Amino acid sequence: MSGEDIKTMPNEKGQSEHGDNYEYKKEAIEAELAEHTMSVMDAVRAYPMACFWAFIMSFTIIMESYDVFLIGNFIATPAFYNRFGAPDPATGIFYIVPKWQSALQMAGQLGALIGVFLAGPLTSRVGYRWATLFGLMLMNAFIFIMYFANSLPVFFVAQLLEGLPWGIFIANAPAYCSEIVPLRLRAPATQVLQMFWAIGSIIVGAVTFVYNDRMDDKAWKIPIALQWMFPTPLAILLFFAPESPWWLVRKGRIEEAERSVVRLARKSRLTNPGDTVALMRRVIDLESTVTAPSYVELFRGTDIRRTLIVCCVYAGQNLAGNLIANQAVYFFEQAGISHHLAFALGLITSALQMIFVMLSWILTTHFGRRTLYLWGTGVNVALLVALGIAGSVGKSNAATLAQASLGLIVAVSFTLAAAPVSWCIIAETSAIRLRPLTTGIGRATYYIIEIPCIFLASYMLNPTGGNLGGRCGYVWGATGLICWVMAYFFLPEMKGRSYRELDIMFKRRVPAREFKTTEIKVEEDE
């Protein structure tokens, strides 16, 4: 039987319900104390290969980012909208009509919504490594459809299919990264996902900036073809990656888990991999039940609270300015910026986002998750309201520059606090045994919220739709304020907490604002 099929929770005498001595508790305590005493740099020196493999797994996020921004940029590319668009009756200028703008930008998210529901059971069964390899091979195949697309419906289908592997990548990457690194590295290892999202947008911004002046099919075919530079090299690297030792322990494969720990750590600093695995066994025993993990379990007992936190944080990524970042070039154009300058500003925005994500590693390590999320979301709400005011004062050169500047600041500030810290919160909140399912359903919530928001965003910005320009800041400011209020009352501080401590606090139903001050003794198991 697998580790998920056996209930080994120790009783008061230190024995499991199967009568086995709970011998590894001492080793588990030693390993947990060692992690608590590590500094960030100590953790990096002790686990260099864990950092490397987290970096490689995070790289898969580039593919979703690249394609999301690619479609957004195509809508503002003359060759694309002249080929597939319709003329404006008033001006005669071609554009992609709002319904197709929205459809193209939500197709990938719809596919990813299906993909994340597939990712949970698939990963629980075969592991993070094989599930991700499967997704990379699917990605290679589906790029062909997009490359040879000759109509908007075919582009829609291609985006839908490409979304399936996106769902696998986005569900697996934060969970895998959080499981292979020690406690002190959980924040930077998961926040690097946001950096790769920014890198994907930089690459696509640079490519479309170079080709947006072309008036033939290569203006969009070359950027599409460049997607092939990611899946195969990543698949080769990940074939040699170690499986998450936490997943192996969940499956009862203890010896393989120890070998995985050895591969992740520097041998000279790893005294006993068995201690680290004992720590994992202790946490998994706290969570173990007689049934296999299921989506139904996410909404039972104390796990429903953890599931709702993950879902709300994921939803918040779409409701506090992120969609302005995803449509930056189009936003700049509708704000009155020239076509060429709009592409340049989009590229500058992406570059600044990458820099600010790296700054967020320092802020999260110092201030914690809850504090940074609240301050970051609060600042963004204020900036969005200011954007709305700038869009309401009438048309002038000053108003145009103000809208463009505030749009850029909103897109960048979002990646300094709320966006990167969300990945850390998502990875830490879920129970270990339910992590693939929790991250999957959390990301599904992201897409369920994003799909109607994309329609709303496209309608608000399109000149034949709402034509709101900067006044869309009022809408996103209101939704961002709702996110801030929810976070204030329900988001706990998880900085410096081991997975055992988090399990215990959630089971004890500790209020969110008391997580930071609650003391959990190292010998406690419930």
Protein backbone atom coordinates (compact mmCIF):
# COMPACT_ATOMS: atom_id res chain seq x y z
CA MET A 1 0.00 0.00 0.00
CA SER A 2 1.15 3.54 -0.63
CA GLY A 3 1.90 6.10 2.04
CA GLU A 4 -1.48 7.68 1.29
CA ASP A 5 -3.32 4.44 2.01
CA ILE A 6 -1.93 3.85 5.50
CA LYS A 7 -2.94 5.84 8.56
CA THR A 8 0.14 6.15 10.77
CA MET A 9 -0.84 8.95 13.12
CA PRO A 10 0.99 8.34 16.44
CA ASN A 11 -1.02 7.88 19.60
CA GLU A 12 -0.22 9.24 23.07
CA LYS A 13 2.34 6.49 23.70
CA GLY A 14 4.31 7.49 20.66
CA GLN A 15 3.06 4.56 18.58
CA SER A 16 1.09 4.55 15.38
CA GLU A 17 -2.32 2.94 15.13
CA HIS A 18 -0.55 0.00 13.50
CA GLY A 19 1.65 -0.49 16.57
CA ASP A 20 4.91 0.69 14.98
CA ASN A 21 7.17 2.81 17.14
CA TYR A 22 7.21 6.43 16.06
CA GLU A 23 11.01 6.24 15.93
CA TYR A 24 11.66 8.99 13.46
CA LYS A 25 10.08 11.80 15.54
CA LYS A 26 13.41 12.71 17.16
CA GLU A 27 15.12 12.92 13.75
CA ALA A 28 12.18 14.94 12.40
CA ILE A 29 12.48 17.44 15.26
CA GLU A 30 16.22 17.82 14.66
CA ALA A 31 15.67 18.42 10.94
CA GLU A 32 12.95 21.02 11.61
CA LEU A 33 15.10 22.87 14.14
CA ALA A 34 17.96 22.88 11.62
CA GLU A 35 15.72 24.48 9.00
CA HIS A 36 14.52 27.14 11.44
CA THR A 37 18.09 28.11 12.32
CA MET A 38 19.21 28.40 8.69
CA SER A 39 19.60 31.82 7.11
CA VAL A 40 18.65 32.32 3.47
CA MET A 41 22.28 32.12 2.35
CA ASP A 42 22.88 29.03 4.51
CA ALA A 43 19.94 27.39 2.77
CA VAL A 44 21.28 28.33 -0.67
CA ARG A 45 24.70 26.91 0.16
CA ALA A 46 23.20 23.74 1.63
CA TYR A 47 20.71 23.12 -1.21
CA PRO A 48 22.23 24.49 -4.44
CA MET A 49 20.69 21.82 -6.69
CA ALA A 50 17.26 22.38 -5.16
CA CYS A 51 17.61 26.02 -6.25
CA PHE A 52 18.69 24.91 -9.72
CA TRP A 53 15.78 22.50 -10.24
CA ALA A 54 13.28 25.02 -8.88
CA PHE A 55 14.69 27.49 -11.41
CA ILE A 56 14.28 24.98 -14.26
CA MET A 57 10.73 24.01 -13.28
CA SER A 58 9.76 27.70 -13.00
CA PHE A 59 11.00 28.21 -16.55
CA THR A 60 7.89 26.40 -17.82
CA ILE A 61 5.83 29.47 -16.83
CA ILE A 62 7.54 31.43 -19.62
CA MET A 63 5.45 29.53 -22.16
CA GLU A 64 2.12 30.66 -20.76
CA SER A 65 3.38 34.20 -20.27
CA TYR A 66 4.84 34.33 -23.79
CA ASP A 67 1.60 33.24 -25.43
CA VAL A 68 -0.69 35.38 -23.27
CA PHE A 69 1.27 38.53 -24.13
CA LEU A 70 1.74 37.38 -27.73
CA ILE A 71 -1.98 37.37 -28.42
CA GLY A 72 -2.37 40.70 -26.63
CA ASN A 73 0.35 42.20 -28.85
CA PHE A 74 -1.06 40.67 -32.04
CA ILE A 75 -4.26 42.66 -31.51
CA ALA A 76 -2.12 45.82 -31.70
CA THR A 77 0.01 44.58 -34.67
CA PRO A 78 -0.97 46.19 -38.04
CA ALA A 79 -0.24 43.11 -40.19
CA PHE A 80 -2.41 40.95 -37.93
CA TYR A 81 -5.42 43.24 -37.60
CA ASN A 82 -5.27 44.20 -41.29
CA ARG A 83 -5.35 40.47 -42.21
CA PHE A 84 -7.94 39.25 -39.69
CA GLY A 85 -9.76 42.41 -38.63
CA ALA A 86 -12.68 44.50 -39.90
CA PRO A 87 -12.77 48.21 -40.83
CA ASP A 88 -14.22 50.77 -38.45
CA PRO A 89 -17.26 52.24 -40.30
CA ALA A 90 -16.39 55.73 -39.09
CA THR A 91 -12.66 55.84 -39.81
CA GLY A 92 -12.01 52.93 -42.16
CA ILE A 93 -9.15 51.74 -39.90
CA PHE A 94 -8.98 47.99 -39.44
CA TYR A 95 -9.17 46.46 -35.95
CA ILE A 96 -9.94 43.12 -34.31
CA VAL A 97 -13.59 43.34 -33.26
CA PRO A 98 -14.18 43.20 -29.46
CA LYS A 99 -15.77 39.73 -29.43
CA TRP A 100 -12.72 38.22 -31.16
CA GLN A 101 -10.30 40.25 -29.04
CA SER A 102 -11.90 38.72 -25.98
CA ALA A 103 -12.24 35.25 -27.49
CA LEU A 104 -8.57 35.05 -28.52
CA GLN A 105 -7.36 36.23 -25.13
CA MET A 106 -9.61 33.88 -23.15
CA ALA A 107 -9.12 30.76 -25.32
CA GLY A 108 -5.82 29.83 -23.70
CA GLN A 109 -7.28 30.46 -20.25
CA LEU A 110 -10.23 28.20 -21.06
CA GLY A 111 -7.82 25.43 -22.10
CA ALA A 112 -5.72 26.02 -18.99
CA LEU A 113 -8.86 25.74 -16.86
CA ILE A 114 -9.32 22.23 -18.23
CA GLY A 115 -5.57 21.58 -17.86
CA VAL A 116 -5.42 22.40 -14.15
CA PHE A 117 -8.23 19.96 -13.40
CA LEU A 118 -6.27 17.30 -15.28
CA ALA A 119 -3.01 18.25 -13.54
CA GLY A 120 -4.13 17.43 -9.98
CA PRO A 121 -5.04 13.75 -10.48
CA LEU A 122 -2.26 13.26 -13.05
CA THR A 123 0.44 14.64 -10.75
CA SER A 124 -0.91 12.77 -7.73
CA ARG A 125 -0.59 9.57 -9.74
CA VAL A 126 2.67 9.93 -11.73
CA GLY A 127 4.51 12.77 -9.95
CA TYR A 128 5.50 16.32 -10.86
CA ARG A 129 8.30 15.29 -13.17
CA TRP A 130 6.41 12.99 -15.53
CA ALA A 131 3.29 15.17 -15.56
CA THR A 132 5.38 18.19 -16.62
CA LEU A 133 7.20 16.19 -19.30
CA PHE A 134 3.83 15.14 -20.70
CA GLY A 135 2.74 18.78 -20.82
CA LEU A 136 5.91 19.84 -22.64
CA MET A 137 5.34 17.26 -25.37
CA LEU A 138 1.75 18.43 -25.80
CA MET A 139 3.01 22.01 -26.09
CA ASN A 140 5.35 21.06 -28.93
CA ALA A 141 2.47 19.52 -30.86
CA PHE A 142 -0.07 22.29 -30.36
CA ILE A 143 2.29 25.08 -31.49
CA PHE A 144 2.02 23.59 -35.00
CA ILE A 145 -1.72 24.37 -35.09
CA MET A 146 -1.17 27.98 -34.13
CA TYR A 147 1.69 28.41 -36.62
CA PHE A 148 -0.43 27.26 -39.57
CA ALA A 149 -3.62 29.05 -38.44
CA ASN A 150 -5.21 31.09 -41.24
CA SER A 151 -8.35 32.39 -39.54
CA LEU A 152 -9.43 33.69 -36.14
CA PRO A 153 -11.43 30.50 -35.32
CA VAL A 154 -8.32 28.38 -35.90
CA PHE A 155 -6.28 30.73 -33.72
CA PHE A 156 -8.96 30.28 -31.07
CA VAL A 157 -8.71 26.47 -31.22
CA ALA A 158 -4.89 26.60 -31.19
CA GLN A 159 -4.91 28.81 -28.11
CA LEU A 160 -7.44 26.54 -26.43
CA LEU A 161 -5.26 23.48 -26.98
CA GLU A 162 -2.06 25.25 -25.91
CA GLY A 163 -3.85 26.11 -22.68
CA LEU A 164 -4.02 22.43 -21.67
CA PRO A 165 -0.27 22.13 -20.94
CA TRP A 166 -0.28 25.63 -19.43
CA GLY A 167 -2.64 24.28 -16.81
CA ILE A 168 -0.22 21.48 -15.97
CA PHE A 169 2.76 23.85 -15.72
CA ILE A 170 1.01 26.47 -13.59
CA ALA A 171 -0.43 23.89 -11.20
CA ASN A 172 2.82 21.93 -10.78
CA ALA A 173 5.51 24.61 -10.71
CA PRO A 174 4.66 26.39 -7.42
CA ALA A 175 3.97 23.09 -5.64
CA TYR A 176 7.18 21.42 -6.84
CA CYS A 177 9.34 24.45 -6.07
CA SER A 178 7.97 24.76 -2.54
CA GLU A 179 8.53 21.06 -1.86
CA ILE A 180 12.16 20.68 -2.94
CA VAL A 181 13.64 23.66 -1.08
CA PRO A 182 14.08 24.21 2.69
CA LEU A 183 11.86 26.57 4.69
CA ARG A 184 13.94 29.74 4.19
CA LEU A 185 13.87 29.40 0.41
CA ARG A 186 10.15 28.78 -0.06
CA ALA A 187 9.44 32.47 -0.74
CA PRO A 188 12.15 33.17 -3.37
CA ALA A 189 11.71 29.72 -4.96
CA THR A 190 8.02 30.35 -5.60
CA GLN A 191 8.26 34.07 -6.31
CA VAL A 192 10.68 33.35 -9.13
CA LEU A 193 7.58 32.19 -11.03
CA GLN A 194 6.50 35.81 -11.33
CA MET A 195 9.96 36.72 -12.60
CA PHE A 196 9.67 34.14 -15.36
CA TRP A 197 6.24 35.51 -16.19
CA ALA A 198 7.93 38.89 -16.66
CA ILE A 199 10.74 37.33 -18.70
CA GLY A 200 8.18 35.74 -21.01
CA SER A 201 6.60 39.14 -21.56
CA ILE A 202 10.04 40.70 -22.19
CA ILE A 203 10.86 38.11 -24.84
CA VAL A 204 7.54 38.49 -26.62
CA GLY A 205 7.68 42.27 -26.26
CA ALA A 206 11.12 42.38 -27.87
CA VAL A 207 10.10 40.01 -30.67
CA THR A 208 6.87 41.82 -31.53
CA PHE A 209 8.64 45.18 -31.23
CA VAL A 210 11.05 44.03 -33.95
CA TYR A 211 8.40 42.53 -36.21
CA ASN A 212 5.37 44.78 -35.60
CA ASP A 213 6.26 47.07 -38.54
CA ARG A 214 6.27 44.21 -41.04
CA MET A 215 3.14 43.99 -43.16
CA ASP A 216 3.37 40.33 -44.19
CA ASP A 217 2.54 37.04 -42.44
CA LYS A 218 5.98 36.87 -40.83
CA ALA A 219 4.91 39.64 -38.46
CA TRP A 220 3.03 37.00 -36.47
CA LYS A 221 4.40 33.66 -37.76
CA ILE A 222 7.98 34.25 -36.55
CA PRO A 223 6.89 35.14 -32.98
CA ILE A 224 4.71 32.02 -32.96
CA ALA A 225 7.54 29.80 -34.21
CA LEU A 226 9.85 31.06 -31.50
CA GLN A 227 7.68 29.23 -28.97
CA TRP A 228 9.42 26.01 -30.06
CA MET A 229 12.65 27.16 -28.42
CA PHE A 230 11.26 26.29 -24.96
CA PRO A 231 9.61 22.82 -24.68
CA THR A 232 12.28 20.41 -25.96
CA PRO A 233 15.31 21.82 -24.03
CA LEU A 234 13.20 21.98 -20.87
CA ALA A 235 11.99 18.41 -21.38
CA ILE A 236 15.57 17.17 -21.70
CA LEU A 237 16.59 18.93 -18.49
CA LEU A 238 13.53 17.85 -16.50
CA PHE A 239 14.01 14.24 -17.57
CA PHE A 240 17.06 14.27 -15.28
CA ALA A 241 15.37 16.22 -12.47
CA PRO A 242 14.72 14.55 -9.10
CA GLU A 243 11.13 13.90 -8.12
CA SER A 244 9.78 15.84 -5.13
CA PRO A 245 10.78 13.90 -2.00
CA TRP A 246 7.48 14.94 -0.41
CA TRP A 247 5.57 13.24 -3.26
CA LEU A 248 7.73 10.12 -2.88
CA VAL A 249 7.08 9.98 0.86
CA ARG A 250 3.35 10.37 0.22
CA LYS A 251 3.64 7.28 -1.98
CA GLY A 252 5.56 5.36 0.70
CA ARG A 253 8.79 5.31 -1.38
CA ILE A 254 11.07 6.27 1.49
CA GLU A 255 14.40 5.11 0.03
CA GLU A 256 13.75 6.99 -3.22
CA ALA A 257 12.85 10.07 -1.18
CA GLU A 258 16.21 9.90 0.62
CA ARG A 259 18.03 9.63 -2.73
CA SER A 260 16.07 12.64 -3.98
CA VAL A 261 17.10 14.67 -0.90
CA VAL A 262 20.74 13.74 -1.53
CA ARG A 263 20.46 14.99 -5.12
CA LEU A 264 18.97 18.30 -3.97
CA ALA A 265 21.54 19.08 -1.24
CA ARG A 266 25.28 19.64 -1.05
CA LYS A 267 26.71 16.39 0.31
CA SER A 268 29.24 18.15 2.52
CA ARG A 269 26.41 19.95 4.34
CA LEU A 270 23.88 17.10 4.48
CA THR A 271 24.62 15.08 7.60
CA ASN A 272 21.74 12.62 7.32
CA PRO A 273 19.11 12.62 4.54
CA GLY A 274 17.06 10.33 6.74
CA ASP A 275 16.41 13.22 9.15
CA THR A 276 14.97 15.35 6.36
CA VAL A 277 12.77 12.49 5.19
CA ALA A 278 11.70 11.90 8.81
CA LEU A 279 10.50 15.52 8.91
CA MET A 280 8.41 14.83 5.80
CA ARG A 281 7.02 11.60 7.24
CA ARG A 282 5.99 13.40 10.42
CA VAL A 283 3.99 16.02 8.50
CA ILE A 284 2.42 13.48 6.17
CA ASP A 285 1.42 11.30 9.14
CA LEU A 286 -0.34 14.33 10.62
CA GLU A 287 -2.37 14.69 7.43
CA SER A 288 -2.84 11.02 6.48
CA THR A 289 -6.26 9.42 6.14
CA VAL A 290 -7.53 6.02 5.01
CA THR A 291 -8.76 7.46 1.70
CA ALA A 292 -6.88 8.71 -1.34
CA PRO A 293 -6.83 12.50 -1.96
CA SER A 294 -9.84 13.82 -3.87
CA TYR A 295 -11.28 17.17 -4.90
CA VAL A 296 -14.20 16.58 -2.51
CA GLU A 297 -11.75 16.53 0.42
CA LEU A 298 -10.67 20.09 -0.37
CA PHE A 299 -14.05 21.32 0.85
CA ARG A 300 -14.26 19.31 4.08
CA GLY A 301 -13.24 20.18 7.64
CA THR A 302 -10.34 22.56 8.05
CA ASP A 303 -9.15 22.02 4.47
CA ILE A 304 -11.98 24.17 3.13
CA ARG A 305 -10.37 27.21 4.78
CA ARG A 306 -7.04 26.47 3.13
CA THR A 307 -8.70 25.91 -0.23
CA LEU A 308 -10.62 29.19 -0.02
CA ILE A 309 -7.46 31.16 0.83
CA VAL A 310 -5.66 29.73 -2.21
CA CYS A 311 -8.67 30.37 -4.47
CA CYS A 312 -9.13 33.96 -3.24
CA VAL A 313 -5.44 34.82 -3.64
CA TYR A 314 -5.45 33.40 -7.16
CA ALA A 315 -8.64 35.31 -8.00
CA GLY A 316 -7.09 38.49 -6.63
CA GLN A 317 -4.35 38.35 -9.25
CA ASN A 318 -6.98 39.34 -11.84
CA LEU A 319 -8.79 41.94 -9.78
CA ALA A 320 -6.09 44.39 -8.69
CA GLY A 321 -4.50 45.64 -11.92
CA ASN A 322 -3.06 42.50 -13.52
CA LEU A 323 -5.19 42.77 -16.65
CA ILE A 324 -3.81 46.24 -17.35
CA ALA A 325 -0.34 44.66 -17.22
CA ASN A 326 -1.38 41.86 -19.58
CA GLN A 327 -2.82 44.35 -22.09
CA ALA A 328 -0.18 47.03 -21.58
CA VAL A 329 0.52 47.77 -25.26
CA TYR A 330 -3.16 47.97 -26.16
CA PHE A 331 -3.84 50.09 -23.08
CA PHE A 332 -1.10 52.55 -24.03
CA GLU A 333 -2.50 52.86 -27.55
CA GLN A 334 -6.04 53.51 -26.27
CA ALA A 335 -4.64 56.07 -23.82
CA GLY A 336 -3.43 58.04 -26.86
CA ILE A 337 0.22 56.93 -27.11
CA SER A 338 1.62 56.41 -30.62
CA HIS A 339 1.80 52.85 -31.95
CA HIS A 340 5.61 52.58 -31.92
CA LEU A 341 5.96 54.20 -28.49
CA ALA A 342 3.23 51.92 -27.10
CA PHE A 343 5.28 48.83 -28.01
CA ALA A 344 8.41 50.40 -26.52
CA LEU A 345 6.56 51.21 -23.28
CA GLY A 346 5.23 47.65 -23.16
CA LEU A 347 8.78 46.34 -23.36
CA ILE A 348 9.97 48.78 -20.68
CA THR A 349 7.09 47.69 -18.44
CA SER A 350 8.10 44.03 -18.74
CA ALA A 351 11.74 44.79 -17.97
CA LEU A 352 10.81 46.81 -14.88
CA GLN A 353 8.51 44.00 -13.75
CA MET A 354 11.40 41.53 -13.76
CA ILE A 355 13.56 43.89 -11.67
CA PHE A 356 10.75 44.54 -9.19
CA VAL A 357 10.06 40.82 -8.75
CA MET A 358 13.66 40.36 -7.63
CA LEU A 359 13.24 43.23 -5.16
CA SER A 360 10.14 41.48 -3.81
CA TRP A 361 12.31 38.54 -2.66
CA ILE A 362 14.02 40.86 -0.18
CA LEU A 363 10.74 42.47 0.92
CA THR A 364 8.98 39.15 1.46
CA THR A 365 11.88 37.73 3.46
CA HIS A 366 11.93 40.82 5.67
CA PHE A 367 8.26 41.81 6.03
CA GLY A 368 6.42 38.54 5.48
CA ARG A 369 3.59 37.47 3.20
CA ARG A 370 0.50 39.08 4.76
CA THR A 371 2.09 42.50 5.32
CA LEU A 372 3.47 42.75 1.80
CA TYR A 373 0.23 41.56 0.21
CA LEU A 374 -1.87 44.10 2.14
CA TRP A 375 0.45 47.04 1.47
CA GLY A 376 0.97 46.09 -2.18
CA THR A 377 -2.74 45.70 -2.88
CA GLY A 378 -3.57 48.90 -0.99
CA VAL A 379 -1.06 50.95 -3.00
CA ASN A 380 -2.38 49.48 -6.25
CA VAL A 381 -5.95 50.40 -5.34
CA ALA A 382 -4.87 54.02 -4.80
CA LEU A 383 -2.98 54.06 -8.12
CA LEU A 384 -5.97 52.60 -9.99
CA VAL A 385 -8.26 55.28 -8.61
CA ALA A 386 -5.70 57.91 -9.66
CA LEU A 387 -5.68 56.34 -13.14
CA GLY A 388 -9.45 56.68 -13.28
CA ILE A 389 -9.21 60.35 -12.31
CA ALA A 390 -6.57 60.97 -15.02
CA GLY A 391 -8.90 59.41 -17.57
CA SER A 392 -11.81 61.62 -16.46
CA VAL A 393 -10.28 65.08 -16.84
CA GLY A 394 -10.72 65.33 -20.59
CA LYS A 395 -8.41 64.84 -23.55
CA SER A 396 -5.09 66.65 -23.42
CA ASN A 397 -1.43 65.84 -23.78
CA ALA A 398 -1.00 65.99 -20.00
CA ALA A 399 -3.93 63.62 -19.41
CA THR A 400 -2.55 61.18 -21.99
CA LEU A 401 0.88 61.16 -20.38
CA ALA A 402 -0.66 60.79 -16.93
CA GLN A 403 -2.72 57.78 -17.99
CA ALA A 404 0.26 56.13 -19.69
CA SER A 405 2.49 56.78 -16.67
CA LEU A 406 -0.03 55.49 -14.15
CA GLY A 407 -0.78 52.45 -16.32
CA LEU A 408 2.93 51.63 -16.36
CA ILE A 409 3.27 52.20 -12.59
CA VAL A 410 0.24 49.98 -11.85
CA ALA A 411 1.63 47.17 -14.02
CA VAL A 412 5.05 47.42 -12.35
CA SER A 413 3.93 47.91 -8.73
CA PHE A 414 1.71 44.84 -9.04
CA THR A 415 4.86 42.75 -9.56
CA LEU A 416 6.64 44.26 -6.58
CA ALA A 417 4.26 42.99 -3.93
CA ALA A 418 0.85 41.40 -4.57
CA ALA A 419 1.76 39.26 -7.60
CA PRO A 420 4.99 37.54 -6.46
CA VAL A 421 3.92 37.10 -2.84
CA SER A 422 0.73 35.39 -4.08
CA TRP A 423 2.79 32.47 -5.40
CA CYS A 424 4.38 32.00 -2.00
CA ILE A 425 1.02 32.10 -0.20
CA ILE A 426 -0.48 29.61 -2.66
CA ALA A 427 2.38 27.14 -2.23
CA GLU A 428 2.46 27.32 1.57
CA THR A 429 -1.25 27.28 2.38
CA SER A 430 -2.26 23.88 1.03
CA ALA A 431 -1.88 20.63 2.96
CA ILE A 432 0.98 18.48 1.64
CA ARG A 433 -1.16 15.48 0.68
CA LEU A 434 -3.67 17.70 -1.15
CA ARG A 435 -1.17 20.12 -2.70
CA PRO A 436 -1.47 19.07 -6.38
CA LEU A 437 -5.27 19.24 -6.11
CA THR A 438 -5.32 22.51 -4.16
CA THR A 439 -2.99 24.35 -6.53
CA GLY A 440 -5.02 22.96 -9.43
CA ILE A 441 -8.39 24.15 -8.18
CA GLY A 442 -6.87 27.44 -7.06
CA ARG A 443 -5.57 28.11 -10.54
CA ALA A 444 -8.92 27.02 -11.94
CA THR A 445 -10.47 29.81 -9.86
CA TYR A 446 -7.95 32.19 -11.42
CA TYR A 447 -9.14 31.28 -14.92
CA ILE A 448 -12.83 31.29 -13.96
CA ILE A 449 -12.40 34.88 -12.76
CA GLU A 450 -10.05 35.88 -15.58
CA ILE A 451 -12.24 34.78 -18.50
CA PRO A 452 -15.12 37.21 -17.82
CA CYS A 453 -12.60 39.87 -16.74
CA ILE A 454 -10.89 39.60 -20.14
CA PHE A 455 -14.20 40.27 -21.87
CA LEU A 456 -14.78 43.20 -19.51
CA ALA A 457 -11.26 44.58 -19.97
CA SER A 458 -11.43 44.36 -23.77
CA TYR A 459 -14.86 45.98 -23.83
CA MET A 460 -13.79 48.82 -21.53
CA LEU A 461 -10.71 49.67 -23.63
CA ASN A 462 -12.07 49.10 -27.15
CA PRO A 463 -13.05 52.33 -28.95
CA THR A 464 -16.23 50.67 -30.28
CA GLY A 465 -17.04 49.28 -26.82
CA GLY A 466 -16.92 51.16 -23.56
CA ASN A 467 -14.03 53.36 -24.72
CA LEU A 468 -13.17 54.09 -21.07
CA GLY A 469 -9.40 54.39 -21.43
CA GLY A 470 -7.93 55.28 -18.06
CA ARG A 471 -11.39 55.36 -16.45
CA CYS A 472 -11.18 51.55 -16.25
CA GLY A 473 -9.06 52.28 -13.16
CA TYR A 474 -12.28 52.93 -11.22
CA VAL A 475 -13.51 49.40 -11.97
CA TRP A 476 -10.24 47.65 -11.10
CA GLY A 477 -9.78 49.91 -8.09
CA ALA A 478 -13.15 48.75 -6.72
CA THR A 479 -12.38 45.05 -7.25
CA GLY A 480 -8.90 45.56 -5.78
CA LEU A 481 -10.43 47.10 -2.66
CA ILE A 482 -12.59 44.00 -2.19
CA CYS A 483 -9.43 41.86 -2.41
CA TRP A 484 -7.74 44.02 0.23
CA VAL A 485 -10.65 43.71 2.66
CA MET A 486 -10.81 39.93 2.23
CA ALA A 487 -7.05 39.62 2.78
CA TYR A 488 -7.15 41.78 5.91
CA PHE A 489 -9.64 39.48 7.62
CA PHE A 490 -8.72 36.05 6.27
CA LEU A 491 -5.08 35.94 5.07
CA PRO A 492 -2.70 34.48 7.71
CA GLU A 493 1.02 35.24 8.05
CA MET A 494 3.01 32.10 7.19
CA LYS A 495 6.53 33.52 7.21
CA GLY A 496 9.02 31.21 8.96
CA ARG A 497 6.47 28.47 9.64
CA SER A 498 7.16 24.81 8.90
CA TYR A 499 4.48 22.75 7.18
CA ARG A 500 3.89 20.95 10.52
CA GLU A 501 3.24 24.24 12.30
CA LEU A 502 0.86 25.37 9.55
CA ASP A 503 -1.03 22.07 9.69
CA ILE A 504 -1.48 22.40 13.45
CA MET A 505 -2.61 26.05 13.32
CA PHE A 506 -5.18 25.35 10.62
CA LYS A 507 -6.47 22.33 12.56
CA ARG A 508 -6.76 24.49 15.69
CA ARG A 509 -8.62 27.11 13.64
CA VAL A 510 -6.26 29.89 14.72
CA PRO A 511 -7.62 33.27 13.46
CA ALA A 512 -5.68 34.72 10.52
CA ARG A 513 -4.45 37.77 12.43
CA GLU A 514 -3.09 35.55 15.23
CA PHE A 515 -0.91 33.28 13.07
CA LYS A 516 2.12 35.52 13.51
CA THR A 517 2.07 35.42 17.31
CA THR A 518 0.84 31.86 17.93
CA GLU A 519 3.51 29.61 19.45
CA ILE A 520 3.72 25.98 18.34
CA LYS A 521 6.17 23.82 20.27
CA VAL A 522 8.51 21.66 18.23
CA GLU A 523 7.36 18.44 19.90
CA GLU A 524 3.64 19.04 19.26
CA ASP A 525 1.90 16.87 16.69
CA GLU A 526 -1.68 18.13 16.93
